[in-house]
Amino acid sequence: MKKTILLILLSILILIIFLIPYFNIRNEVELKNETFASIGSYISGIVAILNLCIFIYLTNLIANYDKIKHKSEINIQKLIIQSQFRQSELEKLIEILEKIYEIDGAANREKSLLRIANTSVKLNGFLTQKQYLFPILKDKRYRDLGDKIIETFEEMIEVLQRKDEDYKLINLLNTFDIQRNEFIHSLQGFIIIELEK
């Protein structure tokens, strides 16, 4: 808006500057057809210069608009790709965490111990290695959600090693379910919030 006003004022100034010679000699020249033709040629030259200025201004305006539009499109594409990476990593994490529910019972406690330990290691790796995709994990509040799940895994391992407290394992599975849902919900919320920026 300011540039447009500046362009209009500049055009009026140029027009006034070019009309100054006419006002200086208007009383000294006879008004004949040749005089009007000369004045018309002079004014058409002025208008041509003004048209050129307007053309240059509009060309720059369009070029700037294209640059802004291009930058915006690149940012949107970057955001979409980033969100796809985040969603892919989140789905892998969900798949890893779902393996906990495959606890095989008393006969296969060793398999269950290995599965829980493996899941705990993978979750810990996610919490430390995926902070570039999920900066939310740098926030202590959200990092603690993941750490609580790891603590629950450690408690599950202790219960499975004792071999006699299956009801505690069920309670820990319920606790894990609540923690997992809260953690996954936080990460999904982060992805959605980032998309809305």
Protein backbone atom coordinates (compact mmCIF):
# COMPACT_ATOMS: atom_id res chain seq x y z
CA MET A 1 0.00 0.00 0.00
CA LYS A 2 2.79 2.44 0.92
CA LYS A 3 4.68 1.57 -2.26
CA THR A 4 1.58 2.24 -4.37
CA ILE A 5 1.07 5.67 -2.77
CA LEU A 6 4.78 6.41 -3.26
CA LEU A 7 4.51 5.43 -6.93
CA ILE A 8 1.49 7.70 -7.47
CA LEU A 9 3.22 10.64 -5.78
CA LEU A 10 6.38 10.00 -7.81
CA SER A 11 4.35 9.90 -11.04
CA ILE A 12 2.65 13.20 -10.20
CA LEU A 13 6.03 14.76 -9.37
CA ILE A 14 7.52 13.59 -12.69
CA LEU A 15 4.48 14.96 -14.54
CA ILE A 16 4.82 18.34 -12.82
CA ILE A 17 8.56 18.48 -13.57
CA PHE A 18 7.93 17.77 -17.25
CA LEU A 19 5.13 20.35 -17.47
CA ILE A 20 7.23 23.16 -15.94
CA PRO A 21 8.75 24.17 -19.34
CA TYR A 22 5.27 24.43 -20.85
CA PHE A 23 4.06 26.75 -18.09
CA ASN A 24 7.18 28.91 -18.55
CA ILE A 25 6.58 29.49 -22.27
CA ARG A 26 2.78 29.28 -22.54
CA ASN A 27 2.35 33.08 -22.90
CA GLU A 28 5.16 33.43 -25.44
CA VAL A 29 3.97 30.83 -27.98
CA GLU A 30 1.12 31.22 -30.44
CA LEU A 31 -1.54 28.55 -30.21
CA LYS A 32 -1.38 26.92 -33.65
CA ASN A 33 -1.81 23.33 -34.77
CA GLU A 34 1.97 22.86 -34.86
CA THR A 35 2.23 24.09 -31.28
CA PHE A 36 -0.46 21.67 -30.13
CA ALA A 37 1.29 18.85 -32.03
CA SER A 38 4.58 19.69 -30.29
CA ILE A 39 2.89 19.84 -26.89
CA GLY A 40 1.11 16.53 -27.63
CA SER A 41 4.41 14.87 -28.58
CA TYR A 42 6.00 16.24 -25.43
CA ILE A 43 3.15 14.97 -23.21
CA SER A 44 3.09 11.56 -24.92
CA GLY A 45 6.83 11.26 -24.13
CA ILE A 46 6.07 12.03 -20.49
CA VAL A 47 3.25 9.47 -20.43
CA ALA A 48 5.55 6.87 -22.03
CA ILE A 49 8.13 7.43 -19.26
CA LEU A 50 5.39 7.15 -16.61
CA ASN A 51 4.12 3.94 -18.25
CA LEU A 52 7.63 2.55 -18.17
CA CYS A 53 7.93 3.37 -14.45
CA ILE A 54 4.58 1.73 -13.74
CA PHE A 55 5.57 -1.31 -15.80
CA ILE A 56 8.83 -1.68 -13.86
CA TYR A 57 6.98 -1.28 -10.57
CA LEU A 58 4.35 -3.90 -11.46
CA THR A 59 7.04 -6.30 -12.71
CA ASN A 60 8.88 -5.98 -9.38
CA LEU A 61 5.62 -6.39 -7.48
CA ILE A 62 4.79 -9.61 -9.35
CA ALA A 63 8.36 -10.93 -8.91
CA ASN A 64 8.20 -10.26 -5.14
CA TYR A 65 4.80 -11.93 -4.93
CA ASP A 66 6.17 -14.98 -6.77
CA LYS A 67 9.14 -15.17 -4.40
CA ILE A 68 6.87 -15.01 -1.35
CA LYS A 69 4.51 -17.58 -2.85
CA HIS A 70 7.41 -19.88 -3.72
CA LYS A 71 8.85 -19.60 -0.19
CA SER A 72 5.43 -20.33 1.27
CA GLU A 73 4.99 -23.39 -0.94
CA ILE A 74 8.44 -24.69 0.04
CA ASN A 75 7.63 -24.21 3.73
CA ILE A 76 4.32 -26.03 3.32
CA GLN A 77 6.01 -28.92 1.50
CA LYS A 78 8.70 -29.08 4.18
CA LEU A 79 6.04 -29.14 6.89
CA ILE A 80 4.11 -31.92 5.14
CA ILE A 81 7.24 -34.06 4.68
CA GLN A 82 8.26 -33.44 8.28
CA SER A 83 4.80 -34.47 9.46
CA GLN A 84 4.96 -37.63 7.36
CA PHE A 85 8.32 -38.54 8.93
CA ARG A 86 6.92 -37.83 12.38
CA GLN A 87 3.81 -39.89 11.75
CA SER A 88 5.90 -42.76 10.38
CA GLU A 89 8.15 -42.75 13.47
CA LEU A 90 5.14 -42.54 15.74
CA GLU A 91 3.53 -45.54 14.05
CA LYS A 92 6.77 -47.52 14.49
CA LEU A 93 6.80 -46.57 18.18
CA ILE A 94 3.17 -47.62 18.61
CA GLU A 95 3.96 -50.97 16.97
CA ILE A 96 6.91 -51.48 19.33
CA LEU A 97 4.84 -50.59 22.39
CA GLU A 98 2.01 -52.92 21.32
CA LYS A 99 4.39 -55.89 21.61
CA ILE A 100 4.18 -55.58 25.38
CA TYR A 101 0.66 -57.01 25.25
CA GLU A 102 2.07 -60.25 23.84
CA ILE A 103 3.21 -61.41 27.29
CA ASP A 104 3.07 -65.20 27.06
CA GLY A 105 2.38 -66.17 30.65
CA ALA A 106 4.31 -68.30 33.10
CA ALA A 107 5.59 -70.82 30.56
CA ASN A 108 7.45 -68.19 28.54
CA ARG A 109 8.60 -65.70 31.14
CA GLU A 110 12.03 -65.49 29.51
CA LYS A 111 10.48 -64.43 26.19
CA SER A 112 8.32 -61.89 27.97
CA LEU A 113 11.36 -60.55 29.86
CA LEU A 114 13.28 -60.19 26.61
CA ARG A 115 10.32 -58.53 24.87
CA ILE A 116 9.87 -56.00 27.68
CA ALA A 117 13.61 -55.28 27.90
CA ASN A 118 13.82 -54.88 24.11
CA THR A 119 10.81 -52.54 24.08
CA SER A 120 12.32 -50.51 26.93
CA VAL A 121 15.61 -50.12 25.04
CA LYS A 122 13.81 -49.09 21.85
CA LEU A 123 11.65 -46.56 23.70
CA ASN A 124 14.74 -45.12 25.38
CA GLY A 125 16.38 -44.86 21.95
CA PHE A 126 13.31 -43.07 20.60
CA LEU A 127 13.36 -40.59 23.49
CA THR A 128 17.01 -39.69 22.90
CA GLN A 129 17.39 -40.06 19.12
CA LYS A 130 14.13 -38.64 17.79
CA GLN A 131 14.27 -35.25 19.48
CA TYR A 132 15.07 -33.64 16.12
CA LEU A 133 11.69 -34.84 14.82
CA PHE A 134 9.84 -34.36 18.11
CA PRO A 135 11.33 -31.27 19.84
CA ILE A 136 8.55 -31.74 22.39
CA LEU A 137 10.74 -34.51 23.91
CA LYS A 138 13.26 -31.84 24.99
CA ASP A 139 10.59 -30.53 27.34
CA LYS A 140 11.00 -32.26 30.72
CA ARG A 141 7.25 -32.71 31.09
CA TYR A 142 6.95 -34.84 27.96
CA ARG A 143 10.27 -36.59 28.42
CA ASP A 144 9.05 -37.67 31.87
CA LEU A 145 6.03 -39.36 30.24
CA GLY A 146 8.41 -41.63 28.33
CA ASP A 147 10.64 -42.16 31.37
CA LYS A 148 7.63 -43.26 33.43
CA ILE A 149 6.85 -45.92 30.83
CA ILE A 150 10.44 -47.17 31.08
CA GLU A 151 10.08 -47.30 34.88
CA THR A 152 6.90 -49.34 34.45
CA PHE A 153 8.85 -51.72 32.17
CA GLU A 154 11.48 -52.11 34.89
CA GLU A 155 8.78 -52.96 37.42
CA MET A 156 7.29 -55.51 34.98
CA ILE A 157 10.70 -57.14 34.64
CA GLU A 158 11.03 -57.37 38.43
CA VAL A 159 7.57 -58.95 38.74
CA LEU A 160 8.30 -61.45 35.97
CA GLN A 161 11.58 -62.41 37.65
CA ARG A 162 9.80 -63.09 40.97
CA LYS A 163 7.39 -65.47 39.14
CA ASP A 164 4.64 -65.34 41.76
CA GLU A 165 2.83 -62.01 41.46
CA ASP A 166 0.83 -62.17 38.24
CA TYR A 167 -1.84 -59.77 39.59
CA LYS A 168 0.89 -57.08 39.93
CA LEU A 169 1.80 -57.67 36.29
CA ILE A 170 -1.84 -57.07 35.30
CA ASN A 171 -1.88 -53.84 37.34
CA LEU A 172 1.38 -52.76 35.69
CA LEU A 173 -0.08 -53.51 32.26
CA ASN A 174 -3.05 -51.28 33.11
CA THR A 175 -0.67 -48.54 34.29
CA PHE A 176 1.38 -48.94 31.11
CA ASP A 177 -1.77 -48.67 29.00
CA ILE A 178 -2.67 -45.32 30.61
CA GLN A 179 0.92 -44.02 30.29
CA ARG A 180 1.21 -45.19 26.68
CA ASN A 181 -2.06 -43.51 25.71
CA GLU A 182 -1.01 -40.24 27.32
CA PHE A 183 2.44 -40.35 25.69
CA ILE A 184 1.12 -41.22 22.21
CA HIS A 185 -1.63 -38.61 22.53
CA SER A 186 0.99 -35.95 23.39
CA LEU A 187 3.06 -36.84 20.32
CA GLN A 188 0.01 -36.89 18.04
CA GLY A 189 -1.10 -33.53 19.43
CA PHE A 190 2.36 -32.15 18.72
CA ILE A 191 2.17 -33.31 15.07
CA ILE A 192 -1.22 -31.66 14.62
CA ILE A 193 -0.13 -28.39 16.28
CA GLU A 194 2.96 -28.24 14.04
CA LEU A 195 0.78 -28.71 10.95
CA GLU A 196 -1.45 -25.82 11.98
CA LYS A 197 1.44 -23.34 12.24
